[in-house]
């Protein structure tokens, strides 16, 4: 996995797992790789993986079965979808709108491109 220097690695790992949940690659009650396994796979410190898992646990996206591992929550897909929509609307969309105004792209033009 290539990491972006502008965003903490633990959040990028969360984003990767969120994408797998949204795509259906990870489903409710699927077991995630262990902290150590995912750390080795991604080439990052296990503490970074642990921070990702703790972040997702706090958001109820995954849960921990003590001694067994981490699992995808029943409502994970809806939670991730809502979180990512909010992030897009609050962080990315204002930048898109600003760029559209600078380039004089009308909402109608934008919709034409969005439908393509």
PDB file of N, CA and C in Angstrom:
ATOM      1  N   UNK A   1       0.846  -1.176   0.000  1.00  0.00           N
ATOM      2  CA  UNK A   1       0.000   0.000   0.000  1.00  0.00           C
ATOM      3  C   UNK A   1       0.895   1.244   0.000  1.00  0.00           C
ATOM      4  N   UNK A   2       0.603   2.178  -0.883  1.00  0.00           N
ATOM      5  CA  UNK A   2       1.317   3.445  -0.937  1.00  0.00           C
ATOM      6  C   UNK A   2       0.624   4.423   0.004  1.00  0.00           C
ATOM      7  N   UNK A   3       1.396   5.037   0.879  1.00  0.00           N
ATOM      8  CA  UNK A   3       0.807   5.954   1.839  1.00  0.00           C
ATOM      9  C   UNK A   3       1.004   7.399   1.408  1.00  0.00           C
ATOM     10  N   UNK A   4      -0.001   8.212   1.695  1.00  0.00           N
ATOM     11  CA  UNK A   4       0.006   9.639   1.402  1.00  0.00           C
ATOM     12  C   UNK A   4       0.623  10.371   2.588  1.00  0.00           C
ATOM     13  N   UNK A   5       1.579  11.232   2.343  1.00  0.00           N
ATOM     14  CA  UNK A   5       2.269  11.949   3.419  1.00  0.00           C
ATOM     15  C   UNK A   5       1.387  13.001   4.086  1.00  0.00           C
ATOM     16  N   UNK A   6       0.245  13.314   3.483  1.00  0.00           N
ATOM     17  CA  UNK A   6      -0.610  14.385   3.997  1.00  0.00           C
ATOM     18  C   UNK A   6      -1.700  13.898   4.948  1.00  0.00           C
ATOM     19  N   UNK A   7      -1.766  12.607   5.192  1.00  0.00           N
ATOM     20  CA  UNK A   7      -2.800  12.050   6.074  1.00  0.00           C
ATOM     21  C   UNK A   7      -2.153  10.974   6.939  1.00  0.00           C
ATOM     22  N   UNK A   8      -2.487  10.936   8.232  1.00  0.00           N
ATOM     23  CA  UNK A   8      -1.882   9.915   9.093  1.00  0.00           C
ATOM     24  C   UNK A   8      -2.105   8.501   8.549  1.00  0.00           C
ATOM     25  N   UNK A   9      -1.081   7.663   8.691  1.00  0.00           N
ATOM     26  CA  UNK A   9      -1.141   6.299   8.155  1.00  0.00           C
ATOM     27  C   UNK A   9      -2.295   5.518   8.770  1.00  0.00           C
ATOM     28  N   UNK A  10      -2.527   5.671  10.068  1.00  0.00           N
ATOM     29  CA  UNK A  10      -3.605   4.902  10.691  1.00  0.00           C
ATOM     30  C   UNK A  10      -4.964   5.239  10.085  1.00  0.00           C
ATOM     31  N   UNK A  11      -5.164   6.500   9.674  1.00  0.00           N
ATOM     32  CA  UNK A  11      -6.423   6.870   9.029  1.00  0.00           C
ATOM     33  C   UNK A  11      -6.504   6.333   7.605  1.00  0.00           C
ATOM     34  N   UNK A  12      -5.361   6.250   6.927  1.00  0.00           N
ATOM     35  CA  UNK A  12      -5.335   5.674   5.587  1.00  0.00           C
ATOM     36  C   UNK A  12      -5.669   4.183   5.635  1.00  0.00           C
ATOM     37  N   UNK A  13      -5.225   3.520   6.700  1.00  0.00           N
ATOM     38  CA  UNK A  13      -5.562   2.101   6.875  1.00  0.00           C
ATOM     39  C   UNK A  13      -7.057   1.962   7.128  1.00  0.00           C
ATOM     40  N   UNK A  14      -7.608   2.845   7.951  1.00  0.00           N
ATOM     41  CA  UNK A  14      -9.064   2.849   8.166  1.00  0.00           C
ATOM     42  C   UNK A  14      -9.785   3.024   6.832  1.00  0.00           C
ATOM     43  N   UNK A  15      -9.332   3.989   6.033  1.00  0.00           N
ATOM     44  CA  UNK A  15      -9.962   4.241   4.731  1.00  0.00           C
ATOM     45  C   UNK A  15      -9.923   3.001   3.843  1.00  0.00           C
ATOM     46  N   UNK A  16      -8.789   2.292   3.858  1.00  0.00           N
ATOM     47  CA  UNK A  16      -8.668   1.081   3.049  1.00  0.00           C
ATOM     48  C   UNK A  16      -9.691   0.041   3.512  1.00  0.00           C
ATOM     49  N   UNK A  17      -9.814  -0.146   4.805  1.00  0.00           N
ATOM     50  CA  UNK A  17     -10.781  -1.111   5.339  1.00  0.00           C
ATOM     51  C   UNK A  17     -12.207  -0.641   5.081  1.00  0.00           C
ATOM     52  N   UNK A  18     -12.444   0.662   5.166  1.00  0.00           N
ATOM     53  CA  UNK A  18     -13.773   1.198   4.859  1.00  0.00           C
ATOM     54  C   UNK A  18     -14.144   0.879   3.412  1.00  0.00           C
ATOM     55  N   UNK A  19     -13.190   1.031   2.509  1.00  0.00           N
ATOM     56  CA  UNK A  19     -13.442   0.702   1.108  1.00  0.00           C
ATOM     57  C   UNK A  19     -13.796  -0.763   0.929  1.00  0.00           C
ATOM     58  N   UNK A  20     -13.135  -1.639   1.673  1.00  0.00           N
ATOM     59  CA  UNK A  20     -13.429  -3.068   1.592  1.00  0.00           C
ATOM     60  C   UNK A  20     -14.813  -3.373   2.160  1.00  0.00           C
ATOM     61  N   UNK A  21     -15.219  -2.630   3.166  1.00  0.00           N
ATOM     62  CA  UNK A  21     -16.564  -2.815   3.726  1.00  0.00           C
ATOM     63  C   UNK A  21     -17.608  -2.334   2.736  1.00  0.00           C
ATOM     64  N   UNK A  22     -17.404  -1.155   2.149  1.00  0.00           N
ATOM     65  CA  UNK A  22     -18.375  -0.612   1.198  1.00  0.00           C
ATOM     66  C   UNK A  22     -18.488  -1.458  -0.063  1.00  0.00           C
ATOM     67  N   UNK A  23     -17.378  -2.033  -0.509  1.00  0.00           N
ATOM     68  CA  UNK A  23     -17.397  -2.847  -1.730  1.00  0.00           C
ATOM     69  C   UNK A  23     -17.981  -4.234  -1.492  1.00  0.00           C
ATOM     70  N   UNK A  24     -18.149  -4.614  -0.220  1.00  0.00           N
ATOM     71  CA  UNK A  24     -18.666  -5.941   0.085  1.00  0.00           C
ATOM     72  C   UNK A  24     -17.582  -6.983   0.249  1.00  0.00           C
ATOM     73  N   UNK A  25     -16.327  -6.586   0.072  1.00  0.00           N
ATOM     74  CA  UNK A  25     -15.221  -7.520   0.268  1.00  0.00           C
ATOM     75  C   UNK A  25     -15.161  -7.979   1.734  1.00  0.00           C
ATOM     76  N   UNK A  26     -15.481  -7.057   2.636  1.00  0.00           N
ATOM     77  CA  UNK A  26     -15.623  -7.396   4.064  1.00  0.00           C
ATOM     78  C   UNK A  26     -17.091  -7.233   4.429  1.00  0.00           C
ATOM     79  N   UNK A  27     -17.653  -8.264   5.017  1.00  0.00           N
ATOM     80  CA  UNK A  27     -19.075  -8.260   5.389  1.00  0.00           C
ATOM     81  C   UNK A  27     -19.220  -8.368   6.899  1.00  0.00           C
ATOM     82  N   UNK A  28     -20.438  -8.142   7.378  1.00  0.00           N
ATOM     83  CA  UNK A  28     -20.729  -8.245   8.803  1.00  0.00           C
ATOM     84  C   UNK A  28     -20.225  -9.573   9.353  1.00  0.00           C
ATOM     85  N   UNK A  29     -19.576  -9.514  10.482  1.00  0.00           N
ATOM     86  CA  UNK A  29     -19.030 -10.652  11.222  1.00  0.00           C
ATOM     87  C   UNK A  29     -17.818 -11.307  10.565  1.00  0.00           C
ATOM     88  N   UNK A  30     -17.285 -10.724   9.492  1.00  0.00           N
ATOM     89  CA  UNK A  30     -16.022 -11.216   8.936  1.00  0.00           C
ATOM     90  C   UNK A  30     -14.899 -10.865   9.900  1.00  0.00           C
ATOM     91  N   UNK A  31     -13.952 -11.772  10.039  1.00  0.00           N
ATOM     92  CA  UNK A  31     -12.794 -11.541  10.908  1.00  0.00           C
ATOM     93  C   UNK A  31     -11.731 -10.768  10.136  1.00  0.00           C
ATOM     94  N   UNK A  32     -11.191  -9.733  10.760  1.00  0.00           N
ATOM     95  CA  UNK A  32     -10.103  -8.976  10.170  1.00  0.00           C
ATOM     96  C   UNK A  32      -8.784  -9.695  10.448  1.00  0.00           C
ATOM     97  N   UNK A  33      -7.763  -9.356   9.676  1.00  0.00           N
ATOM     98  CA  UNK A  33      -6.439  -9.875   9.968  1.00  0.00           C
ATOM     99  C   UNK A  33      -6.028  -9.407  11.362  1.00  0.00           C
ATOM    100  N   UNK A  34      -5.200 -10.187  12.018  1.00  0.00           N
ATOM    101  CA  UNK A  34      -4.713  -9.764  13.326  1.00  0.00           C
ATOM    102  C   UNK A  34      -3.865  -8.508  13.161  1.00  0.00           C
ATOM    103  N   UNK A  35      -3.641  -7.819  14.268  1.00  0.00           N
ATOM    104  CA  UNK A  35      -2.817  -6.619  14.253  1.00  0.00           C
ATOM    105  C   UNK A  35      -1.450  -6.925  13.658  1.00  0.00           C
ATOM    106  N   UNK A  36      -0.855  -7.998  14.093  1.00  0.00           N
ATOM    107  CA  UNK A  36       0.477  -8.383  13.608  1.00  0.00           C
ATOM    108  C   UNK A  36       0.431  -8.750  12.118  1.00  0.00           C
ATOM    109  N   UNK A  37      -0.568  -9.541  11.710  1.00  0.00           N
ATOM    110  CA  UNK A  37      -0.674  -9.966  10.302  1.00  0.00           C
ATOM    111  C   UNK A  37      -0.824  -8.765   9.368  1.00  0.00           C
ATOM    112  N   UNK A  38      -1.713  -7.840   9.730  1.00  0.00           N
ATOM    113  CA  UNK A  38      -1.942  -6.680   8.872  1.00  0.00           C
ATOM    114  C   UNK A  38      -0.710  -5.777   8.866  1.00  0.00           C
ATOM    115  N   UNK A  39      -0.042  -5.669   9.999  1.00  0.00           N
ATOM    116  CA  UNK A  39       1.185  -4.885  10.060  1.00  0.00           C
ATOM    117  C   UNK A  39       2.238  -5.417   9.114  1.00  0.00           C
ATOM    118  N   UNK A  40       2.390  -6.738   9.098  1.00  0.00           N
ATOM    119  CA  UNK A  40       3.360  -7.368   8.194  1.00  0.00           C
ATOM    120  C   UNK A  40       2.934  -7.162   6.739  1.00  0.00           C
ATOM    121  N   UNK A  41       1.644  -7.367   6.458  1.00  0.00           N
ATOM    122  CA  UNK A  41       1.144  -7.222   5.086  1.00  0.00           C
ATOM    123  C   UNK A  41       1.356  -5.811   4.547  1.00  0.00           C
ATOM    124  N   UNK A  42       1.123  -4.805   5.394  1.00  0.00           N
ATOM    125  CA  UNK A  42       1.245  -3.421   4.944  1.00  0.00           C
ATOM    126  C   UNK A  42       2.628  -2.827   5.183  1.00  0.00           C
ATOM    127  N   UNK A  43       3.446  -3.534   5.934  1.00  0.00           N
ATOM    128  CA  UNK A  43       4.782  -3.038   6.221  1.00  0.00           C
ATOM    129  C   UNK A  43       4.789  -1.870   7.189  1.00  0.00           C
ATOM    130  N   UNK A  44       3.870  -1.893   8.165  1.00  0.00           N
ATOM    131  CA  UNK A  44       3.820  -0.818   9.162  1.00  0.00           C
ATOM    132  C   UNK A  44       3.900  -1.408  10.568  1.00  0.00           C
ATOM    133  N   UNK A  45       4.183  -0.553  11.513  1.00  0.00           N
ATOM    134  CA  UNK A  45       4.296  -0.946  12.904  1.00  0.00           C
ATOM    135  C   UNK A  45       2.940  -1.455  13.420  1.00  0.00           C
ATOM    136  N   UNK A  46       2.926  -2.543  14.170  1.00  0.00           N
ATOM    137  CA  UNK A  46       1.662  -3.042  14.732  1.00  0.00           C
ATOM    138  C   UNK A  46       0.925  -2.007  15.585  1.00  0.00           C
ATOM    139  N   UNK A  47       1.664  -1.075  16.204  1.00  0.00           N
ATOM    140  CA  UNK A  47       0.998  -0.020  16.983  1.00  0.00           C
ATOM    141  C   UNK A  47       0.129   0.866  16.096  1.00  0.00           C
ATOM    142  N   UNK A  48       0.551   1.055  14.854  1.00  0.00           N
ATOM    143  CA  UNK A  48      -0.235   1.840  13.900  1.00  0.00           C
ATOM    144  C   UNK A  48      -1.519   1.099  13.550  1.00  0.00           C
ATOM    145  N   UNK A  49      -1.423  -0.198  13.347  1.00  0.00           N
ATOM    146  CA  UNK A  49      -2.612  -1.019  13.060  1.00  0.00           C
ATOM    147  C   UNK A  49      -3.547  -0.982  14.259  1.00  0.00           C
ATOM    148  N   UNK A  50      -2.983  -1.094  15.448  1.00  0.00           N
ATOM    149  CA  UNK A  50      -3.792  -1.065  16.664  1.00  0.00           C
ATOM    150  C   UNK A  50      -4.552   0.251  16.764  1.00  0.00           C
ATOM    151  N   UNK A  51      -3.899   1.341  16.422  1.00  0.00           N
ATOM    152  CA  UNK A  51      -4.570   2.648  16.463  1.00  0.00           C
ATOM    153  C   UNK A  51      -5.728   2.689  15.455  1.00  0.00           C
ATOM    154  N   UNK A  52      -5.529   2.099  14.278  1.00  0.00           N
ATOM    155  CA  UNK A  52      -6.613   2.027  13.287  1.00  0.00           C
ATOM    156  C   UNK A  52      -7.782   1.224  13.843  1.00  0.00           C
ATOM    157  N   UNK A  53      -7.483   0.060  14.413  1.00  0.00           N
ATOM    158  CA  UNK A  53      -8.530  -0.799  14.957  1.00  0.00           C
ATOM    159  C   UNK A  53      -9.246  -0.118  16.121  1.00  0.00           C
ATOM    160  N   UNK A  54      -8.512   0.598  16.963  1.00  0.00           N
ATOM    161  CA  UNK A  54      -9.135   1.310  18.079  1.00  0.00           C
ATOM    162  C   UNK A  54     -10.060   2.413  17.572  1.00  0.00           C
ATOM    163  N   UNK A  55      -9.636   3.111  16.539  1.00  0.00           N
ATOM    164  CA  UNK A  55     -10.456   4.170  15.939  1.00  0.00           C
ATOM    165  C   UNK A  55     -11.753   3.586  15.388  1.00  0.00           C
ATOM    166  N   UNK A  56     -11.638   2.466  14.693  1.00  0.00           N
ATOM    167  CA  UNK A  56     -12.828   1.840  14.100  1.00  0.00           C
ATOM    168  C   UNK A  56     -13.714   1.199  15.171  1.00  0.00           C
ATOM    169  N   UNK A  57     -13.118   0.714  16.238  1.00  0.00           N
ATOM    170  CA  UNK A  57     -13.891   0.152  17.347  1.00  0.00           C
ATOM    171  C   UNK A  57     -14.679   1.260  18.032  1.00  0.00           C
ATOM    172  N   UNK A  58     -14.054   2.406  18.245  1.00  0.00           N
ATOM    173  CA  UNK A  58     -14.729   3.542  18.876  1.00  0.00           C
ATOM    174  C   UNK A  58     -15.916   4.028  18.049  1.00  0.00           C
ATOM    175  N   UNK A  59     -15.830   3.844  16.735  1.00  0.00           N
ATOM    176  CA  UNK A  59     -16.916   4.242  15.829  1.00  0.00           C
ATOM    177  C   UNK A  59     -17.929   3.117  15.616  1.00  0.00           C
ATOM    178  N   UNK A  60     -17.757   1.987  16.322  1.00  0.00           N
ATOM    179  CA  UNK A  60     -18.639   0.817  16.221  1.00  0.00           C
ATOM    180  C   UNK A  60     -18.632   0.158  14.846  1.00  0.00           C
ATOM    181  N   UNK A  61     -17.579   0.347  14.097  1.00  0.00           N
ATOM    182  CA  UNK A  61     -17.467  -0.257  12.772  1.00  0.00           C
ATOM    183  C   UNK A  61     -16.938  -1.683  12.887  1.00  0.00           C
ATOM    184  N   UNK A  62     -16.069  -1.902  13.853  1.00  0.00           N
ATOM    185  CA  UNK A  62     -15.596  -3.247  14.149  1.00  0.00           C
ATOM    186  C   UNK A  62     -15.740  -3.486  15.651  1.00  0.00           C
ATOM    187  N   UNK A  63     -15.628  -4.734  16.045  1.00  0.00           N
ATOM    188  CA  UNK A  63     -15.668  -5.073  17.471  1.00  0.00           C
ATOM    189  C   UNK A  63     -14.632  -6.154  17.741  1.00  0.00           C
ATOM    190  N   UNK A  64     -14.247  -6.228  19.013  1.00  0.00           N
ATOM    191  CA  UNK A  64     -13.202  -7.149  19.425  1.00  0.00           C
ATOM    192  C   UNK A  64     -13.811  -8.296  20.219  1.00  0.00           C
ATOM    193  N   UNK A  65     -13.503  -9.516  19.800  1.00  0.00           N
ATOM    194  CA  UNK A  65     -13.817 -10.699  20.606  1.00  0.00           C
ATOM    195  C   UNK A  65     -12.508 -11.059  21.290  1.00  0.00           C
ATOM    196  N   UNK A  66     -12.448 -10.793  22.559  1.00  0.00           N
ATOM    197  CA  UNK A  66     -11.207 -10.968  23.311  1.00  0.00           C
ATOM    198  C   UNK A  66     -10.608 -12.354  23.075  1.00  0.00           C
ATOM    199  N   UNK A  67      -9.347 -12.358  22.689  1.00  0.00           N
ATOM    200  CA  UNK A  67      -8.628 -13.604  22.459  1.00  0.00           C
ATOM    201  C   UNK A  67      -8.870 -14.224  21.095  1.00  0.00           C
ATOM    202  N   UNK A  68      -9.820 -13.677  20.337  1.00  0.00           N
ATOM    203  CA  UNK A  68     -10.137 -14.245  19.018  1.00  0.00           C
ATOM    204  C   UNK A  68      -9.746 -13.284  17.899  1.00  0.00           C
ATOM    205  N   UNK A  69     -10.075 -12.006  18.067  1.00  0.00           N
ATOM    206  CA  UNK A  69      -9.721 -11.028  17.051  1.00  0.00           C
ATOM    207  C   UNK A  69     -10.779  -9.967  16.860  1.00  0.00           C
ATOM    208  N   UNK A  70     -10.598  -9.206  15.795  1.00  0.00           N
ATOM    209  CA  UNK A  70     -11.514  -8.117  15.450  1.00  0.00           C
ATOM    210  C   UNK A  70     -12.423  -8.556  14.310  1.00  0.00           C
ATOM    211  N   UNK A  71     -13.682  -8.119  14.395  1.00  0.00           N
ATOM    212  CA  UNK A  71     -14.702  -8.509  13.430  1.00  0.00           C
ATOM    213  C   UNK A  71     -15.477  -7.290  12.960  1.00  0.00           C
ATOM    214  N   UNK A  72     -16.020  -7.376  11.761  1.00  0.00           N
ATOM    215  CA  UNK A  72     -16.829  -6.304  11.185  1.00  0.00           C
ATOM    216  C   UNK A  72     -18.198  -6.314  11.874  1.00  0.00           C
ATOM    217  N   UNK A  73     -18.630  -5.140  12.311  1.00  0.00           N
ATOM    218  CA  UNK A  73     -19.922  -5.003  12.986  1.00  0.00           C
ATOM    219  C   UNK A  73     -21.082  -5.198  12.012  1.00  0.00           C
ATOM    220  N   UNK A  74     -22.220  -5.532  12.574  1.00  0.00           N
ATOM    221  CA  UNK A  74     -23.430  -5.768  11.783  1.00  0.00           C
ATOM    222  C   UNK A  74     -23.814  -4.536  10.960  1.00  0.00           C
ATOM    223  N   UNK A  75     -23.709  -3.362  11.556  1.00  0.00           N
ATOM    224  CA  UNK A  75     -24.146  -2.128  10.912  1.00  0.00           C
ATOM    225  C   UNK A  75     -22.977  -1.347  10.301  1.00  0.00           C
ATOM    226  N   UNK A  76     -21.840  -2.007  10.097  1.00  0.00           N
ATOM    227  CA  UNK A  76     -20.620  -1.332   9.647  1.00  0.00           C
ATOM    228  C   UNK A  76     -20.803  -0.602   8.322  1.00  0.00           C
ATOM    229  N   UNK A  77     -21.448  -1.230   7.370  1.00  0.00           N
ATOM    230  CA  UNK A  77     -21.575  -0.610   6.043  1.00  0.00           C
ATOM    231  C   UNK A  77     -22.314   0.719   6.126  1.00  0.00           C
ATOM    232  N   UNK A  78     -23.417   0.766   6.866  1.00  0.00           N
ATOM    233  CA  UNK A  78     -24.169   2.018   7.010  1.00  0.00           C
ATOM    234  C   UNK A  78     -23.360   3.070   7.760  1.00  0.00           C
ATOM    235  N   UNK A  79     -22.648   2.653   8.802  1.00  0.00           N
ATOM    236  CA  UNK A  79     -21.830   3.593   9.567  1.00  0.00           C
ATOM    237  C   UNK A  79     -20.718   4.178   8.713  1.00  0.00           C
ATOM    238  N   UNK A  80     -20.051   3.332   7.941  1.00  0.00           N
ATOM    239  CA  UNK A  80     -18.970   3.799   7.066  1.00  0.00           C
ATOM    240  C   UNK A  80     -19.525   4.717   5.992  1.00  0.00           C
ATOM    241  N   UNK A  81     -20.636   4.327   5.399  1.00  0.00           N
ATOM    242  CA  UNK A  81     -21.254   5.143   4.355  1.00  0.00           C
ATOM    243  C   UNK A  81     -21.583   6.533   4.883  1.00  0.00           C
ATOM    244  N   UNK A  82     -22.197   6.610   6.055  1.00  0.00           N
ATOM    245  CA  UNK A  82     -22.540   7.909   6.640  1.00  0.00           C
ATOM    246  C   UNK A  82     -21.293   8.724   6.966  1.00  0.00           C
ATOM    247  N   UNK A  83     -20.286   8.073   7.523  1.00  0.00           N
ATOM    248  CA  UNK A  83     -19.046   8.777   7.874  1.00  0.00           C
ATOM    249  C   UNK A  83     -18.356   9.316   6.635  1.00  0.00           C
ATOM    250  N   UNK A  84     -18.275   8.500   5.600  1.00  0.00           N
ATOM    251  CA  UNK A  84     -17.583   8.931   4.383  1.00  0.00           C
ATOM    252  C   UNK A  84     -18.377   9.998   3.627  1.00  0.00           C
ATOM    253  N   UNK A  85     -19.696   9.908   3.652  1.00  0.00           N
ATOM    254  CA  UNK A  85     -20.517  10.957   3.038  1.00  0.00           C
ATOM    255  C   UNK A  85     -20.289  12.284   3.742  1.00  0.00           C
ATOM    256  N   UNK A  86     -20.305  12.255   5.075  1.00  0.00           N
ATOM    257  CA  UNK A  86     -20.084  13.481   5.840  1.00  0.00           C
ATOM    258  C   UNK A  86     -18.702  14.059   5.567  1.00  0.00           C
ATOM    259  N   UNK A  87     -17.694  13.197   5.502  1.00  0.00           N
ATOM    260  CA  UNK A  87     -16.341  13.657   5.216  1.00  0.00           C
ATOM    261  C   UNK A  87     -16.273  14.305   3.837  1.00  0.00           C
ATOM    262  N   UNK A  88     -16.920  13.679   2.862  1.00  0.00           N
ATOM    263  CA  UNK A  88     -16.922  14.229   1.507  1.00  0.00           C
ATOM    264  C   UNK A  88     -17.630  15.574   1.474  1.00  0.00           C
ATOM    265  N   UNK A  89     -18.801  15.644   2.083  1.00  0.00           N
ATOM    266  CA  UNK A  89     -19.599  16.879   2.064  1.00  0.00           C
ATOM    267  C   UNK A  89     -18.885  18.014   2.792  1.00  0.00           C
ATOM    268  N   UNK A  90     -18.242  17.705   3.898  1.00  0.00           N
ATOM    269  CA  UNK A  90     -17.619  18.757   4.709  1.00  0.00           C
ATOM    270  C   UNK A  90     -16.191  19.104   4.297  1.00  0.00           C
ATOM    271  N   UNK A  91     -15.458  18.148   3.734  1.00  0.00           N
ATOM    272  CA  UNK A  91     -14.050  18.401   3.434  1.00  0.00           C
ATOM    273  C   UNK A  91     -13.749  18.524   1.946  1.00  0.00           C
ATOM    274  N   UNK A  92     -14.319  17.648   1.144  1.00  0.00           N
ATOM    275  CA  UNK A  92     -13.949  17.618  -0.272  1.00  0.00           C
ATOM    276  C   UNK A  92     -14.873  18.444  -1.162  1.00  0.00           C
ATOM    277  N   UNK A  93     -16.165  18.382  -0.918  1.00  0.00           N
ATOM    278  CA  UNK A  93     -17.123  19.080  -1.778  1.00  0.00           C
ATOM    279  C   UNK A  93     -16.901  20.584  -1.814  1.00  0.00           C
ATOM    280  N   UNK A  94     -16.621  21.229  -0.677  1.00  0.00           N
ATOM    281  CA  UNK A  94     -16.349  22.680  -0.758  1.00  0.00           C
ATOM    282  C   UNK A  94     -15.192  23.013  -1.698  1.00  0.00           C
ATOM    283  N   UNK A  95     -14.176  22.153  -1.748  1.00  0.00           N
ATOM    284  CA  UNK A  95     -13.055  22.374  -2.658  1.00  0.00           C
ATOM    285  C   UNK A  95     -13.487  22.203  -4.116  1.00  0.00           C
ATOM    286  N   UNK A  96     -14.340  21.213  -4.359  1.00  0.00           N
ATOM    287  CA  UNK A  96     -14.852  20.984  -5.714  1.00  0.00           C
ATOM    288  C   UNK A  96     -15.686  22.187  -6.159  1.00  0.00           C
ATOM    289  N   UNK A  97     -16.542  22.666  -5.284  1.00  0.00           N
ATOM    290  CA  UNK A  97     -17.394  23.817  -5.619  1.00  0.00           C
ATOM    291  C   UNK A  97     -16.544  25.060  -5.883  1.00  0.00           C
ATOM    292  N   UNK A  98     -15.537  25.262  -5.054  1.00  0.00           N
ATOM    293  CA  UNK A  98     -14.633  26.402  -5.252  1.00  0.00           C
ATOM    294  C   UNK A  98     -13.954  26.318  -6.615  1.00  0.00           C
ATOM    295  N   UNK A  99     -13.468  25.141  -6.963  1.00  0.00           N
ATOM    296  CA  UNK A  99     -12.794  24.942  -8.252  1.00  0.00           C
ATOM    297  C   UNK A  99     -13.778  25.144  -9.412  1.00  0.00           C
ATOM    298  N   UNK A 100     -15.010  24.666  -9.249  1.00  0.00           N
ATOM    299  CA  UNK A 100     -16.027  24.852 -10.292  1.00  0.00           C
ATOM    300  C   UNK A 100     -16.281  26.337 -10.533  1.00  0.00           C
ATOM    301  N   UNK A 101     -16.371  27.103  -9.449  1.00  0.00           N
ATOM    302  CA  UNK A 101     -16.598  28.546  -9.587  1.00  0.00           C
ATOM    303  C   UNK A 101     -15.429  29.222 -10.301  1.00  0.00           C
ATOM    304  N   UNK A 102     -14.200  28.838  -9.928  1.00  0.00           N
ATOM    305  CA  UNK A 102     -13.028  29.421 -10.568  1.00  0.00           C
ATOM    306  C   UNK A 102     -12.985  29.113 -12.061  1.00  0.00           C
ATOM    307  N   UNK A 103     -13.402  27.903 -12.417  1.00  0.00           N
ATOM    308  CA  UNK A 103     -13.379  27.469 -13.815  1.00  0.00           C
ATOM    309  C   UNK A 103     -14.679  27.775 -14.552  1.00  0.00           C
ATOM    310  N   UNK A 104     -15.601  28.412 -13.840  1.00  0.00           N
ATOM    311  CA  UNK A 104     -16.908  28.788 -14.407  1.00  0.00           C
ATOM    312  C   UNK A 104     -17.656  27.591 -14.956  1.00  0.00           C
ATOM    313  N   UNK A 105     -17.605  26.507 -14.206  1.00  0.00           N
ATOM    314  CA  UNK A 105     -18.372  25.305 -14.552  1.00  0.00           C
ATOM    315  C   UNK A 105     -19.724  25.435 -13.881  1.00  0.00           C
ATOM    316  N   UNK A 106     -20.777  25.399 -14.679  1.00  0.00           N
ATOM    317  CA  UNK A 106     -22.125  25.528 -14.120  1.00  0.00           C
ATOM    318  C   UNK A 106     -22.576  24.182 -13.531  1.00  0.00           C
ATOM    319  N   UNK A 107     -23.555  24.232 -12.627  1.00  0.00           N
ATOM    320  CA  UNK A 107     -24.091  22.968 -12.106  1.00  0.00           C
ATOM    321  C   UNK A 107     -24.614  22.062 -13.219  1.00  0.00           C
ATOM    322  N   UNK A 108     -25.189  22.653 -14.257  1.00  0.00           N
ATOM    323  CA  UNK A 108     -25.696  21.867 -15.380  1.00  0.00           C
ATOM    324  C   UNK A 108     -24.555  21.146 -16.110  1.00  0.00           C
ATOM    325  N   UNK A 109     -23.446  21.876 -16.330  1.00  0.00           N
ATOM    326  CA  UNK A 109     -22.285  21.248 -16.967  1.00  0.00           C
ATOM    327  C   UNK A 109     -21.753  20.112 -16.098  1.00  0.00           C
ATOM    328  N   UNK A 110     -21.678  20.373 -14.806  1.00  0.00           N
ATOM    329  CA  UNK A 110     -21.198  19.349 -13.891  1.00  0.00           C
ATOM    330  C   UNK A 110     -22.051  18.099 -13.964  1.00  0.00           C
ATOM    331  N   UNK A 111     -23.366  18.264 -13.986  1.00  0.00           N
ATOM    332  CA  UNK A 111     -24.274  17.134 -14.060  1.00  0.00           C
ATOM    333  C   UNK A 111     -24.093  16.343 -15.356  1.00  0.00           C
ATOM    334  N   UNK A 112     -23.795  17.034 -16.449  1.00  0.00           N
ATOM    335  CA  UNK A 112     -23.521  16.340 -17.708  1.00  0.00           C
ATOM    336  C   UNK A 112     -22.326  15.418 -17.552  1.00  0.00           C
ATOM    337  N   UNK A 113     -21.265  15.917 -16.924  1.00  0.00           N
ATOM    338  CA  UNK A 113     -20.054  15.099 -16.722  1.00  0.00           C
ATOM    339  C   UNK A 113     -20.322  13.970 -15.724  1.00  0.00           C
ATOM    340  N   UNK A 114     -21.122  14.255 -14.725  1.00  0.00           N
ATOM    341  CA  UNK A 114     -21.413  13.242 -13.695  1.00  0.00           C
ATOM    342  C   UNK A 114     -22.214  12.092 -14.277  1.00  0.00           C
ATOM    343  N   UNK A 115     -23.042  12.351 -15.267  1.00  0.00           N
ATOM    344  CA  UNK A 115     -23.867  11.302 -15.882  1.00  0.00           C
ATOM    345  C   UNK A 115     -23.066  10.440 -16.847  1.00  0.00           C
ATOM    346  N   UNK A 116     -21.960  10.962 -17.338  1.00  0.00           N
ATOM    347  CA  UNK A 116     -21.157  10.242 -18.335  1.00  0.00           C
ATOM    348  C   UNK A 116     -20.437   9.065 -17.752  1.00  0.00           C
TER     349      UNK A 116
END
